[in-house]
N, C-alpha and C. Protein backbone atom coordinates (compact mmCIF):
# COMPACT_ATOMS: atom_id res chain seq x y z
N MET A 1 -19.34 8.60 -20.93
CA MET A 1 -17.91 8.78 -20.78
C MET A 1 -17.59 9.94 -19.83
N LYS A 2 -18.46 10.94 -19.77
CA LYS A 2 -18.23 12.07 -18.86
C LYS A 2 -18.22 11.61 -17.40
N LEU A 3 -19.11 10.68 -17.08
CA LEU A 3 -19.16 10.16 -15.72
C LEU A 3 -17.86 9.42 -15.39
N VAL A 4 -17.37 8.64 -16.33
CA VAL A 4 -16.12 7.90 -16.14
C VAL A 4 -14.97 8.87 -15.90
N LYS A 5 -14.88 9.91 -16.73
CA LYS A 5 -13.80 10.89 -16.57
C LYS A 5 -13.92 11.64 -15.25
N MET A 6 -15.15 11.90 -14.81
CA MET A 6 -15.33 12.56 -13.53
C MET A 6 -14.78 11.70 -12.40
N PHE A 7 -15.05 10.40 -12.44
CA PHE A 7 -14.57 9.49 -11.41
C PHE A 7 -13.04 9.43 -11.41
N VAL A 8 -12.45 9.40 -12.59
CA VAL A 8 -10.99 9.33 -12.69
C VAL A 8 -10.36 10.62 -12.19
N LYS A 9 -10.81 11.75 -12.70
CA LYS A 9 -10.20 13.03 -12.35
C LYS A 9 -10.42 13.39 -10.88
N SER A 10 -11.54 12.98 -10.32
CA SER A 10 -11.85 13.31 -8.92
C SER A 10 -11.37 12.24 -7.95
N GLU A 11 -10.84 11.14 -8.51
CA GLU A 11 -10.36 10.02 -7.69
C GLU A 11 -11.44 9.50 -6.74
N LEU A 12 -12.65 9.39 -7.27
CA LEU A 12 -13.76 8.89 -6.47
C LEU A 12 -13.71 7.36 -6.40
N PRO A 13 -14.12 6.78 -5.28
CA PRO A 13 -14.18 5.32 -5.21
C PRO A 13 -15.34 4.80 -6.06
N PHE A 14 -15.15 3.62 -6.61
CA PHE A 14 -16.19 3.03 -7.48
C PHE A 14 -17.52 2.88 -6.75
N ARG A 15 -17.47 2.61 -5.46
CA ARG A 15 -18.70 2.40 -4.69
C ARG A 15 -19.56 3.66 -4.60
N PHE A 16 -19.00 4.80 -4.97
CA PHE A 16 -19.75 6.06 -4.91
C PHE A 16 -20.99 6.01 -5.79
N VAL A 17 -20.97 5.21 -6.86
CA VAL A 17 -22.16 5.11 -7.73
C VAL A 17 -23.33 4.46 -6.99
N GLU A 18 -23.04 3.79 -5.88
CA GLU A 18 -24.10 3.15 -5.10
C GLU A 18 -24.65 4.07 -4.01
N ASN A 19 -24.04 5.24 -3.85
CA ASN A 19 -24.47 6.19 -2.84
C ASN A 19 -25.85 6.73 -3.19
N GLU A 20 -26.76 6.63 -2.24
CA GLU A 20 -28.15 7.04 -2.49
C GLU A 20 -28.27 8.53 -2.83
N ASP A 21 -27.50 9.36 -2.15
CA ASP A 21 -27.55 10.80 -2.44
C ASP A 21 -27.03 11.11 -3.85
N PHE A 22 -25.99 10.41 -4.26
CA PHE A 22 -25.48 10.60 -5.62
C PHE A 22 -26.54 10.19 -6.64
N ARG A 23 -27.17 9.05 -6.40
CA ARG A 23 -28.21 8.58 -7.32
C ARG A 23 -29.39 9.55 -7.37
N ASP A 24 -29.77 10.09 -6.21
CA ASP A 24 -30.85 11.08 -6.17
C ASP A 24 -30.47 12.35 -6.94
N PHE A 25 -29.23 12.76 -6.79
CA PHE A 25 -28.75 13.95 -7.50
C PHE A 25 -28.80 13.73 -9.01
N VAL A 26 -28.29 12.59 -9.46
CA VAL A 26 -28.31 12.28 -10.89
C VAL A 26 -29.75 12.21 -11.39
N TRP A 27 -30.62 11.59 -10.62
CA TRP A 27 -32.02 11.48 -11.01
C TRP A 27 -32.66 12.87 -11.13
N SER A 28 -32.28 13.79 -10.23
CA SER A 28 -32.84 15.15 -10.29
C SER A 28 -32.42 15.88 -11.57
N LEU A 29 -31.27 15.51 -12.10
CA LEU A 29 -30.80 16.13 -13.35
C LEU A 29 -31.42 15.48 -14.58
N GLN A 30 -31.49 14.15 -14.54
CA GLN A 30 -32.01 13.40 -15.69
C GLN A 30 -32.62 12.09 -15.19
N PRO A 31 -33.92 12.06 -14.99
CA PRO A 31 -34.57 10.87 -14.43
C PRO A 31 -34.39 9.60 -15.27
N ARG A 32 -34.17 9.75 -16.56
CA ARG A 32 -34.03 8.56 -17.42
C ARG A 32 -32.62 7.98 -17.44
N PHE A 33 -31.66 8.70 -16.87
CA PHE A 33 -30.27 8.21 -16.87
C PHE A 33 -30.12 7.09 -15.86
N GLU A 34 -29.53 5.99 -16.30
CA GLU A 34 -29.27 4.87 -15.40
C GLU A 34 -27.83 4.94 -14.92
N VAL A 35 -27.64 5.10 -13.63
CA VAL A 35 -26.30 5.13 -13.06
C VAL A 35 -25.71 3.73 -13.19
N PRO A 36 -24.50 3.62 -13.74
CA PRO A 36 -23.92 2.29 -13.92
C PRO A 36 -23.52 1.66 -12.58
N SER A 37 -23.40 0.36 -12.58
CA SER A 37 -22.92 -0.34 -11.39
C SER A 37 -21.43 -0.08 -11.24
N ARG A 38 -20.90 -0.41 -10.07
CA ARG A 38 -19.46 -0.22 -9.88
C ARG A 38 -18.66 -1.14 -10.80
N THR A 39 -19.19 -2.32 -11.13
CA THR A 39 -18.52 -3.23 -12.05
C THR A 39 -18.45 -2.63 -13.45
N THR A 40 -19.55 -2.06 -13.90
CA THR A 40 -19.57 -1.41 -15.21
C THR A 40 -18.63 -0.22 -15.22
N LEU A 41 -18.66 0.57 -14.17
CA LEU A 41 -17.78 1.73 -14.07
C LEU A 41 -16.31 1.30 -14.13
N ARG A 42 -15.97 0.27 -13.40
CA ARG A 42 -14.59 -0.24 -13.41
C ARG A 42 -14.18 -0.67 -14.81
N ARG A 43 -15.06 -1.37 -15.50
CA ARG A 43 -14.77 -1.82 -16.87
C ARG A 43 -14.57 -0.62 -17.81
N GLU A 44 -15.42 0.38 -17.69
CA GLU A 44 -15.32 1.55 -18.56
C GLU A 44 -14.07 2.38 -18.25
N ILE A 45 -13.67 2.43 -17.00
CA ILE A 45 -12.43 3.12 -16.64
C ILE A 45 -11.23 2.37 -17.23
N TRP A 46 -11.27 1.05 -17.17
CA TRP A 46 -10.19 0.25 -17.76
C TRP A 46 -10.12 0.49 -19.27
N GLU A 47 -11.27 0.55 -19.92
CA GLU A 47 -11.30 0.81 -21.37
C GLU A 47 -10.73 2.19 -21.68
N LEU A 48 -11.06 3.19 -20.89
CA LEU A 48 -10.51 4.53 -21.07
C LEU A 48 -9.00 4.51 -20.89
N TYR A 49 -8.53 3.79 -19.88
CA TYR A 49 -7.09 3.66 -19.65
C TYR A 49 -6.40 3.06 -20.87
N GLU A 50 -6.96 1.99 -21.40
CA GLU A 50 -6.35 1.34 -22.57
C GLU A 50 -6.33 2.28 -23.78
N GLU A 51 -7.40 3.04 -23.98
CA GLU A 51 -7.45 4.01 -25.09
C GLU A 51 -6.38 5.08 -24.93
N GLU A 52 -6.26 5.63 -23.74
CA GLU A 52 -5.28 6.68 -23.49
C GLU A 52 -3.85 6.15 -23.59
N LYS A 53 -3.65 4.93 -23.15
CA LYS A 53 -2.32 4.31 -23.26
C LYS A 53 -1.93 4.14 -24.72
N ALA A 54 -2.88 3.71 -25.55
CA ALA A 54 -2.61 3.55 -26.98
C ALA A 54 -2.30 4.90 -27.63
N LYS A 55 -3.04 5.94 -27.25
CA LYS A 55 -2.77 7.28 -27.79
C LYS A 55 -1.36 7.75 -27.41
N LEU A 56 -0.98 7.52 -26.16
CA LEU A 56 0.34 7.94 -25.70
C LEU A 56 1.44 7.18 -26.44
N LYS A 57 1.26 5.88 -26.61
CA LYS A 57 2.25 5.09 -27.35
C LYS A 57 2.39 5.60 -28.78
N MET A 58 1.27 5.89 -29.41
CA MET A 58 1.29 6.40 -30.78
C MET A 58 2.01 7.74 -30.84
N PHE A 59 1.68 8.63 -29.93
CA PHE A 59 2.32 9.94 -29.89
C PHE A 59 3.83 9.81 -29.72
N LEU A 60 4.24 9.02 -28.73
CA LEU A 60 5.67 8.88 -28.46
C LEU A 60 6.41 8.23 -29.63
N SER A 61 5.79 7.27 -30.28
CA SER A 61 6.47 6.60 -31.40
C SER A 61 6.59 7.50 -32.62
N LYS A 62 5.66 8.43 -32.81
CA LYS A 62 5.69 9.30 -33.99
C LYS A 62 6.37 10.64 -33.73
N GLN A 63 6.32 11.13 -32.52
CA GLN A 63 6.78 12.49 -32.23
C GLN A 63 8.11 12.57 -31.48
N CYS A 64 8.59 11.46 -30.97
CA CYS A 64 9.79 11.53 -30.13
C CYS A 64 10.82 10.51 -30.58
N GLU A 65 12.06 10.97 -30.64
CA GLU A 65 13.14 10.06 -31.00
C GLU A 65 13.63 9.31 -29.77
N ARG A 66 13.70 10.04 -28.65
CA ARG A 66 14.18 9.44 -27.41
C ARG A 66 13.28 9.87 -26.24
N VAL A 67 13.17 8.98 -25.28
CA VAL A 67 12.44 9.28 -24.05
C VAL A 67 13.36 8.93 -22.89
N CYS A 68 13.52 9.84 -21.95
CA CYS A 68 14.32 9.60 -20.75
C CYS A 68 13.37 9.51 -19.55
N LEU A 69 13.71 8.62 -18.64
CA LEU A 69 12.87 8.42 -17.46
C LEU A 69 13.63 8.83 -16.21
N THR A 70 12.91 9.44 -15.27
CA THR A 70 13.46 9.72 -13.95
C THR A 70 12.49 9.15 -12.92
N THR A 71 13.05 8.76 -11.79
CA THR A 71 12.21 8.23 -10.72
C THR A 71 12.51 8.98 -9.43
N ASP A 72 11.57 8.93 -8.53
CA ASP A 72 11.75 9.49 -7.21
C ASP A 72 10.93 8.64 -6.25
N THR A 73 11.46 8.42 -5.08
CA THR A 73 10.73 7.68 -4.05
C THR A 73 10.77 8.50 -2.76
N TRP A 74 9.73 8.36 -1.97
CA TRP A 74 9.69 9.05 -0.70
C TRP A 74 8.70 8.36 0.22
N THR A 75 8.79 8.70 1.49
CA THR A 75 7.89 8.16 2.50
C THR A 75 7.17 9.33 3.15
N SER A 76 5.86 9.19 3.28
CA SER A 76 5.06 10.26 3.87
C SER A 76 5.19 10.25 5.38
N ILE A 77 4.64 11.29 6.00
CA ILE A 77 4.63 11.37 7.46
C ILE A 77 3.86 10.18 8.06
N GLN A 78 2.87 9.69 7.30
CA GLN A 78 2.08 8.54 7.77
C GLN A 78 2.79 7.22 7.48
N ASN A 79 4.04 7.30 7.04
CA ASN A 79 4.86 6.13 6.73
C ASN A 79 4.35 5.34 5.52
N LEU A 80 3.75 6.05 4.57
CA LEU A 80 3.32 5.43 3.31
C LEU A 80 4.41 5.68 2.27
N ASN A 81 4.76 4.64 1.52
CA ASN A 81 5.80 4.76 0.51
C ASN A 81 5.20 5.16 -0.83
N TYR A 82 5.89 6.04 -1.52
CA TYR A 82 5.46 6.51 -2.83
C TYR A 82 6.62 6.41 -3.81
N MET A 83 6.26 6.22 -5.07
CA MET A 83 7.26 6.22 -6.14
C MET A 83 6.65 6.93 -7.33
N SER A 84 7.42 7.80 -7.96
CA SER A 84 6.94 8.46 -9.17
C SER A 84 7.87 8.11 -10.32
N LEU A 85 7.31 8.08 -11.50
CA LEU A 85 8.06 7.84 -12.73
C LEU A 85 7.67 8.94 -13.69
N THR A 86 8.65 9.68 -14.18
CA THR A 86 8.40 10.80 -15.08
C THR A 86 9.13 10.56 -16.39
N ALA A 87 8.43 10.76 -17.50
CA ALA A 87 9.03 10.63 -18.83
C ALA A 87 9.34 12.03 -19.35
N HIS A 88 10.55 12.22 -19.85
CA HIS A 88 10.98 13.49 -20.42
C HIS A 88 11.29 13.27 -21.89
N PHE A 89 10.84 14.19 -22.74
CA PHE A 89 11.13 14.05 -24.16
C PHE A 89 11.02 15.40 -24.84
N ILE A 90 11.62 15.50 -25.99
CA ILE A 90 11.47 16.67 -26.85
C ILE A 90 10.78 16.17 -28.11
N ASP A 91 9.61 16.74 -28.38
CA ASP A 91 8.87 16.27 -29.56
C ASP A 91 9.41 16.94 -30.82
N ASN A 92 8.87 16.55 -31.95
CA ASN A 92 9.36 17.03 -33.24
C ASN A 92 8.96 18.46 -33.54
N ASP A 93 8.09 19.04 -32.75
CA ASP A 93 7.69 20.44 -32.96
C ASP A 93 8.68 21.34 -32.29
């Protein structure tokens, strides 16, 4: 799970697990560790997403009476469009 979280937090591409230098580095730390395939990594990231989504739903349903949403959109200098969605709430604490 630590490897999965590293990929998510660092925004690494799934294909990075196939990088020979990465595999050599992992092997130097623990020769018995098998680096997962990009398909396995993708599946495990999806499972982590589903777990975290369930935790968030549970938290919001138990701790918050109301949730307000705000959005923002913008275009980068490279002409890429972005949209953000932010949830605001006051919990029971």
